[in-house]
Amino acid sequence: MPPPQPSRLGLIDGKLNACPESPNCVSSESLDEQHQVTPLPFSGSADDALQRVIEVVGAMPRTQLITQKNNYLHFECRSRLLRFVDDLEFYVDPERHVIQVRSASRVGYSDLGVNRKRVEKVREALLAKGL
């Protein structure tokens, strides 16, 4: 049974929650280099961007869509061996034409770069789909 969902999921004042100080989280809204990743630009409508994210991330192994509301998506991603759960969140900002992203481990201190690699894999797949 995975640890319960953290209370720090979702949007607060239109932004994804900040990463903790530990190095097991990345966010496009983070201001520090350790946690920073680039937001995902998109063209077209916010609804189309959401659907492309759902297609790409939904096709990833051991990944499940948990929440979809307004322009926000939350997925749970399980590790292959020990079945640890990471939370992967997206917020489509239609005014700026970017998708903000946050990927964080629920437990532990270091993730050995897994969350950053996951976000970059999503970025590559979305670019291949013409996001």
N, C-alpha and C. Protein backbone atom coordinates (compact mmCIF):
# COMPACT_ATOMS: atom_id res chain seq x y z
N MET A 1 0.85 -1.18 0.00
CA MET A 1 0.00 0.00 0.00
C MET A 1 0.90 1.25 0.00
N PRO A 2 0.70 2.16 -0.95
CA PRO A 2 1.56 3.35 -1.03
C PRO A 2 1.27 4.31 0.11
N PRO A 3 2.23 5.18 0.42
CA PRO A 3 1.96 6.21 1.41
C PRO A 3 0.80 7.07 0.91
N PRO A 4 0.06 7.68 1.83
CA PRO A 4 -1.07 8.52 1.40
C PRO A 4 -0.59 9.70 0.57
N GLN A 5 -1.51 10.23 -0.26
CA GLN A 5 -1.15 11.39 -1.08
C GLN A 5 -0.74 12.54 -0.17
N PRO A 6 0.33 13.22 -0.54
CA PRO A 6 0.75 14.36 0.27
C PRO A 6 -0.26 15.50 0.18
N SER A 7 -0.32 16.29 1.19
CA SER A 7 -1.24 17.43 1.21
C SER A 7 -0.75 18.55 0.29
N ARG A 8 0.49 18.49 -0.16
CA ARG A 8 1.05 19.57 -0.97
C ARG A 8 0.78 19.40 -2.47
N LEU A 9 -0.18 18.59 -2.85
CA LEU A 9 -0.53 18.42 -4.25
C LEU A 9 -1.57 19.45 -4.66
N GLY A 10 -1.61 19.73 -5.97
CA GLY A 10 -2.62 20.64 -6.49
C GLY A 10 -2.10 22.05 -6.65
N LEU A 11 -3.03 22.94 -6.93
CA LEU A 11 -2.69 24.35 -7.17
C LEU A 11 -3.00 25.20 -5.96
N ILE A 12 -2.12 26.15 -5.73
CA ILE A 12 -2.35 27.16 -4.70
C ILE A 12 -2.14 28.50 -5.38
N ASP A 13 -3.18 29.29 -5.43
CA ASP A 13 -3.13 30.59 -6.11
C ASP A 13 -2.62 30.45 -7.55
N GLY A 14 -3.07 29.41 -8.24
CA GLY A 14 -2.72 29.23 -9.65
C GLY A 14 -1.33 28.69 -9.91
N LYS A 15 -0.67 28.17 -8.87
CA LYS A 15 0.68 27.63 -9.04
C LYS A 15 0.78 26.26 -8.38
N LEU A 16 1.67 25.43 -8.95
CA LEU A 16 1.98 24.17 -8.32
C LEU A 16 2.76 24.43 -7.04
N ASN A 17 2.65 23.53 -6.08
CA ASN A 17 3.35 23.71 -4.82
C ASN A 17 4.86 23.69 -5.01
N ALA A 18 5.54 24.36 -4.14
CA ALA A 18 7.01 24.40 -4.18
C ALA A 18 7.58 23.04 -3.81
N CYS A 19 8.76 22.77 -4.30
CA CYS A 19 9.48 21.56 -3.92
C CYS A 19 9.99 21.70 -2.50
N PRO A 20 10.10 20.57 -1.78
CA PRO A 20 10.77 20.62 -0.48
C PRO A 20 12.27 20.85 -0.69
N GLU A 21 13.01 21.00 0.36
CA GLU A 21 14.45 21.23 0.24
C GLU A 21 15.20 19.99 -0.26
N SER A 22 14.63 18.82 -0.08
CA SER A 22 15.29 17.59 -0.51
C SER A 22 15.42 17.55 -2.03
N PRO A 23 16.42 16.83 -2.56
CA PRO A 23 16.67 16.81 -4.00
C PRO A 23 15.81 15.80 -4.77
N ASN A 24 14.67 15.39 -4.23
CA ASN A 24 13.84 14.39 -4.89
C ASN A 24 12.59 15.00 -5.53
N CYS A 25 12.72 16.22 -6.04
CA CYS A 25 11.61 16.93 -6.65
C CYS A 25 12.14 17.90 -7.69
N VAL A 26 11.40 18.05 -8.78
CA VAL A 26 11.70 19.08 -9.77
C VAL A 26 10.39 19.80 -10.10
N SER A 27 10.52 21.07 -10.44
CA SER A 27 9.34 21.87 -10.77
C SER A 27 9.72 22.99 -11.73
N SER A 28 8.84 23.23 -12.69
CA SER A 28 9.09 24.34 -13.63
C SER A 28 8.81 25.68 -12.97
N GLU A 29 8.21 25.68 -11.80
CA GLU A 29 7.96 26.94 -11.10
C GLU A 29 8.96 27.19 -9.98
N SER A 30 9.94 26.30 -9.85
CA SER A 30 10.98 26.47 -8.84
C SER A 30 11.96 27.55 -9.28
N LEU A 31 12.46 28.30 -8.33
CA LEU A 31 13.41 29.36 -8.63
C LEU A 31 14.86 28.95 -8.42
N ASP A 32 15.08 27.79 -7.75
CA ASP A 32 16.46 27.37 -7.52
C ASP A 32 16.88 26.32 -8.52
N GLU A 33 18.15 26.34 -8.87
CA GLU A 33 18.70 25.50 -9.93
C GLU A 33 18.55 24.01 -9.64
N GLN A 34 18.66 23.62 -8.37
CA GLN A 34 18.58 22.20 -8.00
C GLN A 34 17.23 21.59 -8.39
N HIS A 35 16.16 22.35 -8.28
CA HIS A 35 14.81 21.84 -8.53
C HIS A 35 14.22 22.30 -9.86
N GLN A 36 14.83 23.23 -10.54
CA GLN A 36 14.27 23.88 -11.73
C GLN A 36 14.29 22.97 -12.96
N VAL A 37 13.17 22.93 -13.66
CA VAL A 37 13.07 22.38 -15.02
C VAL A 37 12.31 23.41 -15.85
N THR A 38 12.49 23.36 -17.13
CA THR A 38 11.84 24.31 -18.03
C THR A 38 10.39 23.92 -18.24
N PRO A 39 9.46 24.88 -18.21
CA PRO A 39 8.07 24.54 -18.52
C PRO A 39 7.96 24.04 -19.96
N LEU A 40 6.86 23.36 -20.25
CA LEU A 40 6.64 22.77 -21.56
C LEU A 40 5.78 23.72 -22.40
N PRO A 41 6.33 24.31 -23.46
CA PRO A 41 5.52 25.21 -24.29
C PRO A 41 4.54 24.40 -25.14
N PHE A 42 3.41 25.00 -25.48
CA PHE A 42 2.46 24.33 -26.36
C PHE A 42 1.83 25.34 -27.30
N SER A 43 1.35 24.84 -28.42
CA SER A 43 0.57 25.67 -29.34
C SER A 43 -0.82 25.07 -29.39
N GLY A 44 -1.78 25.82 -29.89
CA GLY A 44 -3.14 25.33 -29.93
C GLY A 44 -3.87 25.62 -28.63
N SER A 45 -4.91 24.86 -28.39
CA SER A 45 -5.75 25.12 -27.22
C SER A 45 -5.23 24.40 -25.98
N ALA A 46 -5.66 24.89 -24.83
CA ALA A 46 -5.31 24.25 -23.56
C ALA A 46 -5.89 22.84 -23.50
N ASP A 47 -7.10 22.65 -24.02
CA ASP A 47 -7.72 21.32 -24.02
C ASP A 47 -6.91 20.33 -24.84
N ASP A 48 -6.42 20.77 -26.01
CA ASP A 48 -5.58 19.89 -26.83
C ASP A 48 -4.29 19.54 -26.10
N ALA A 49 -3.69 20.52 -25.44
CA ALA A 49 -2.46 20.27 -24.68
C ALA A 49 -2.70 19.26 -23.57
N LEU A 50 -3.81 19.41 -22.84
CA LEU A 50 -4.15 18.45 -21.78
C LEU A 50 -4.29 17.04 -22.35
N GLN A 51 -4.98 16.92 -23.47
CA GLN A 51 -5.18 15.60 -24.06
C GLN A 51 -3.86 14.97 -24.49
N ARG A 52 -2.95 15.76 -25.02
CA ARG A 52 -1.64 15.22 -25.42
C ARG A 52 -0.85 14.76 -24.21
N VAL A 53 -0.92 15.53 -23.12
CA VAL A 53 -0.24 15.10 -21.89
C VAL A 53 -0.84 13.79 -21.39
N ILE A 54 -2.16 13.69 -21.40
CA ILE A 54 -2.82 12.45 -20.94
C ILE A 54 -2.39 11.27 -21.81
N GLU A 55 -2.32 11.46 -23.12
CA GLU A 55 -1.90 10.38 -24.02
C GLU A 55 -0.47 9.94 -23.73
N VAL A 56 0.43 10.92 -23.64
CA VAL A 56 1.85 10.62 -23.46
C VAL A 56 2.11 9.99 -22.10
N VAL A 57 1.64 10.63 -21.05
CA VAL A 57 1.93 10.15 -19.70
C VAL A 57 1.13 8.87 -19.41
N GLY A 58 -0.08 8.80 -19.92
CA GLY A 58 -0.89 7.61 -19.72
C GLY A 58 -0.30 6.36 -20.35
N ALA A 59 0.54 6.53 -21.36
CA ALA A 59 1.19 5.40 -22.02
C ALA A 59 2.45 4.95 -21.28
N MET A 60 2.88 5.70 -20.28
CA MET A 60 4.08 5.32 -19.53
C MET A 60 3.74 4.15 -18.61
N PRO A 61 4.65 3.18 -18.49
CA PRO A 61 4.37 2.03 -17.62
C PRO A 61 4.21 2.45 -16.16
N ARG A 62 3.32 1.75 -15.45
CA ARG A 62 3.10 1.93 -14.01
C ARG A 62 2.68 3.35 -13.65
N THR A 63 1.96 4.01 -14.55
CA THR A 63 1.52 5.39 -14.34
C THR A 63 0.01 5.45 -14.46
N GLN A 64 -0.63 6.15 -13.51
CA GLN A 64 -2.08 6.21 -13.47
C GLN A 64 -2.55 7.65 -13.26
N LEU A 65 -3.52 8.07 -14.06
CA LEU A 65 -4.13 9.39 -13.88
C LEU A 65 -5.03 9.33 -12.64
N ILE A 66 -4.79 10.23 -11.70
CA ILE A 66 -5.55 10.26 -10.45
C ILE A 66 -6.56 11.40 -10.45
N THR A 67 -6.13 12.58 -10.89
CA THR A 67 -6.99 13.76 -10.85
C THR A 67 -6.91 14.51 -12.17
N GLN A 68 -8.07 14.90 -12.68
CA GLN A 68 -8.15 15.78 -13.84
C GLN A 68 -9.26 16.78 -13.56
N LYS A 69 -8.87 18.05 -13.39
CA LYS A 69 -9.89 19.07 -13.22
C LYS A 69 -9.36 20.40 -13.71
N ASN A 70 -10.24 21.11 -14.39
CA ASN A 70 -9.86 22.37 -15.04
C ASN A 70 -8.63 22.13 -15.89
N ASN A 71 -7.57 22.84 -15.67
CA ASN A 71 -6.33 22.68 -16.46
C ASN A 71 -5.25 21.96 -15.67
N TYR A 72 -5.64 21.13 -14.72
CA TYR A 72 -4.71 20.44 -13.82
C TYR A 72 -4.82 18.93 -13.98
N LEU A 73 -3.65 18.27 -13.98
CA LEU A 73 -3.58 16.80 -14.01
C LEU A 73 -2.63 16.32 -12.92
N HIS A 74 -3.00 15.21 -12.27
CA HIS A 74 -2.13 14.57 -11.30
C HIS A 74 -2.06 13.08 -11.62
N PHE A 75 -0.83 12.58 -11.78
CA PHE A 75 -0.58 11.17 -12.04
C PHE A 75 0.23 10.59 -10.89
N GLU A 76 0.05 9.30 -10.63
CA GLU A 76 0.93 8.57 -9.74
C GLU A 76 1.80 7.66 -10.60
N CYS A 77 3.10 7.68 -10.33
CA CYS A 77 4.07 6.87 -11.06
C CYS A 77 4.74 5.93 -10.07
N ARG A 78 4.72 4.64 -10.35
CA ARG A 78 5.34 3.65 -9.45
C ARG A 78 6.65 3.16 -10.02
N SER A 79 7.64 3.01 -9.14
CA SER A 79 8.92 2.46 -9.57
C SER A 79 8.77 0.97 -9.85
N ARG A 80 9.59 0.48 -10.73
CA ARG A 80 9.48 -0.91 -11.18
C ARG A 80 9.81 -1.90 -10.06
N LEU A 81 10.90 -1.69 -9.37
CA LEU A 81 11.34 -2.70 -8.40
C LEU A 81 10.66 -2.59 -7.05
N LEU A 82 10.77 -1.47 -6.41
CA LEU A 82 10.26 -1.35 -5.04
C LEU A 82 8.87 -0.73 -4.95
N ARG A 83 8.31 -0.36 -6.11
CA ARG A 83 6.95 0.17 -6.19
C ARG A 83 6.75 1.47 -5.42
N PHE A 84 7.83 2.27 -5.28
CA PHE A 84 7.70 3.60 -4.68
C PHE A 84 6.79 4.45 -5.55
N VAL A 85 6.07 5.38 -4.94
CA VAL A 85 5.15 6.25 -5.68
C VAL A 85 5.71 7.65 -5.76
N ASP A 86 5.72 8.19 -6.98
CA ASP A 86 6.06 9.60 -7.22
C ASP A 86 4.80 10.27 -7.74
N ASP A 87 4.68 11.56 -7.46
CA ASP A 87 3.55 12.35 -7.93
C ASP A 87 4.02 13.24 -9.07
N LEU A 88 3.31 13.17 -10.20
CA LEU A 88 3.62 13.94 -11.39
C LEU A 88 2.42 14.84 -11.67
N GLU A 89 2.65 16.16 -11.66
CA GLU A 89 1.56 17.12 -11.83
C GLU A 89 1.82 18.04 -13.00
N PHE A 90 0.74 18.44 -13.65
CA PHE A 90 0.80 19.37 -14.77
C PHE A 90 -0.28 20.42 -14.60
N TYR A 91 0.06 21.66 -14.93
CA TYR A 91 -0.91 22.74 -14.97
C TYR A 91 -0.75 23.47 -16.30
N VAL A 92 -1.79 23.45 -17.11
CA VAL A 92 -1.76 24.12 -18.41
C VAL A 92 -2.15 25.57 -18.20
N ASP A 93 -1.21 26.46 -18.49
CA ASP A 93 -1.44 27.91 -18.36
C ASP A 93 -1.76 28.45 -19.75
N PRO A 94 -3.06 28.63 -20.06
CA PRO A 94 -3.44 29.02 -21.41
C PRO A 94 -3.00 30.44 -21.79
N GLU A 95 -2.83 31.31 -20.82
CA GLU A 95 -2.43 32.69 -21.12
C GLU A 95 -0.97 32.76 -21.57
N ARG A 96 -0.11 31.96 -20.96
CA ARG A 96 1.32 31.98 -21.29
C ARG A 96 1.70 30.89 -22.29
N HIS A 97 0.75 30.02 -22.63
CA HIS A 97 0.98 28.90 -23.54
C HIS A 97 2.13 28.01 -23.09
N VAL A 98 2.12 27.69 -21.78
CA VAL A 98 3.08 26.75 -21.23
C VAL A 98 2.35 25.77 -20.31
N ILE A 99 2.97 24.62 -20.17
CA ILE A 99 2.50 23.63 -19.20
C ILE A 99 3.52 23.61 -18.08
N GLN A 100 3.07 23.98 -16.89
CA GLN A 100 3.93 23.89 -15.71
C GLN A 100 3.92 22.44 -15.25
N VAL A 101 5.05 21.96 -14.76
CA VAL A 101 5.18 20.55 -14.38
C VAL A 101 5.92 20.44 -13.06
N ARG A 102 5.51 19.46 -12.27
CA ARG A 102 6.16 19.16 -10.99
C ARG A 102 6.18 17.65 -10.84
N SER A 103 7.33 17.08 -10.50
CA SER A 103 7.46 15.65 -10.26
C SER A 103 8.23 15.46 -8.96
N ALA A 104 7.64 14.72 -8.02
CA ALA A 104 8.24 14.60 -6.69
C ALA A 104 8.05 13.21 -6.10
N SER A 105 9.06 12.73 -5.40
CA SER A 105 8.97 11.46 -4.69
C SER A 105 8.17 11.66 -3.41
N ARG A 106 7.41 10.66 -3.04
CA ARG A 106 6.65 10.73 -1.78
C ARG A 106 7.50 10.39 -0.57
N VAL A 107 8.47 9.52 -0.76
CA VAL A 107 9.30 9.09 0.37
C VAL A 107 10.78 9.21 0.00
N GLY A 108 11.62 9.23 1.01
CA GLY A 108 13.06 9.26 0.79
C GLY A 108 13.59 10.67 0.62
N TYR A 109 14.89 10.73 0.48
CA TYR A 109 15.56 12.02 0.35
C TYR A 109 16.03 12.24 -1.08
N SER A 110 16.81 11.31 -1.60
CA SER A 110 17.31 11.43 -2.98
C SER A 110 16.51 10.51 -3.89
N ASP A 111 16.36 10.92 -5.14
CA ASP A 111 15.67 10.09 -6.12
C ASP A 111 16.62 9.65 -7.23
N LEU A 112 17.92 9.97 -7.10
CA LEU A 112 18.94 9.63 -8.09
C LEU A 112 18.60 10.19 -9.47
N GLY A 113 17.90 11.32 -9.48
CA GLY A 113 17.58 12.00 -10.74
C GLY A 113 16.37 11.46 -11.49
N VAL A 114 15.62 10.56 -10.87
CA VAL A 114 14.48 9.91 -11.54
C VAL A 114 13.41 10.93 -11.95
N ASN A 115 13.07 11.86 -11.08
CA ASN A 115 12.01 12.82 -11.40
C ASN A 115 12.41 13.74 -12.55
N ARG A 116 13.64 14.19 -12.55
CA ARG A 116 14.12 15.04 -13.66
C ARG A 116 14.11 14.25 -14.98
N LYS A 117 14.58 13.01 -14.94
CA LYS A 117 14.58 12.17 -16.15
C LYS A 117 13.15 11.94 -16.64
N ARG A 118 12.22 11.74 -15.73
CA ARG A 118 10.82 11.53 -16.12
C ARG A 118 10.27 12.75 -16.86
N VAL A 119 10.52 13.92 -16.31
CA VAL A 119 10.01 15.15 -16.94
C VAL A 119 10.63 15.32 -18.32
N GLU A 120 11.91 15.05 -18.46
CA GLU A 120 12.56 15.19 -19.77
C GLU A 120 12.05 14.16 -20.76
N LYS A 121 11.73 12.96 -20.29
CA LYS A 121 11.15 11.93 -21.16
C LYS A 121 9.76 12.38 -21.65
N VAL A 122 8.98 12.97 -20.76
CA VAL A 122 7.67 13.51 -21.15
C VAL A 122 7.85 14.64 -22.17
N ARG A 123 8.81 15.50 -21.93
CA ARG A 123 9.09 16.62 -22.85
C ARG A 123 9.40 16.09 -24.25
N GLU A 124 10.30 15.11 -24.34
CA GLU A 124 10.68 14.52 -25.62
C GLU A 124 9.47 13.92 -26.34
N ALA A 125 8.64 13.18 -25.59
CA ALA A 125 7.47 12.54 -26.19
C ALA A 125 6.46 13.57 -26.67
N LEU A 126 6.27 14.64 -25.91
CA LEU A 126 5.34 15.69 -26.32
C LEU A 126 5.86 16.43 -27.56
N LEU A 127 7.15 16.68 -27.60
CA LEU A 127 7.73 17.33 -28.79
C LEU A 127 7.56 16.44 -30.03
N ALA A 128 7.72 15.14 -29.85
CA ALA A 128 7.53 14.22 -30.96
C ALA A 128 6.08 14.22 -31.46
N LYS A 129 5.14 14.53 -30.56
CA LYS A 129 3.72 14.62 -30.94
C LYS A 129 3.34 16.00 -31.45
N GLY A 130 4.32 16.90 -31.51
CA GLY A 130 4.04 18.22 -32.04
C GLY A 130 3.41 19.18 -31.07
N LEU A 131 3.70 19.01 -29.79
CA LEU A 131 3.16 19.94 -28.79
C LEU A 131 3.71 21.30 -29.04
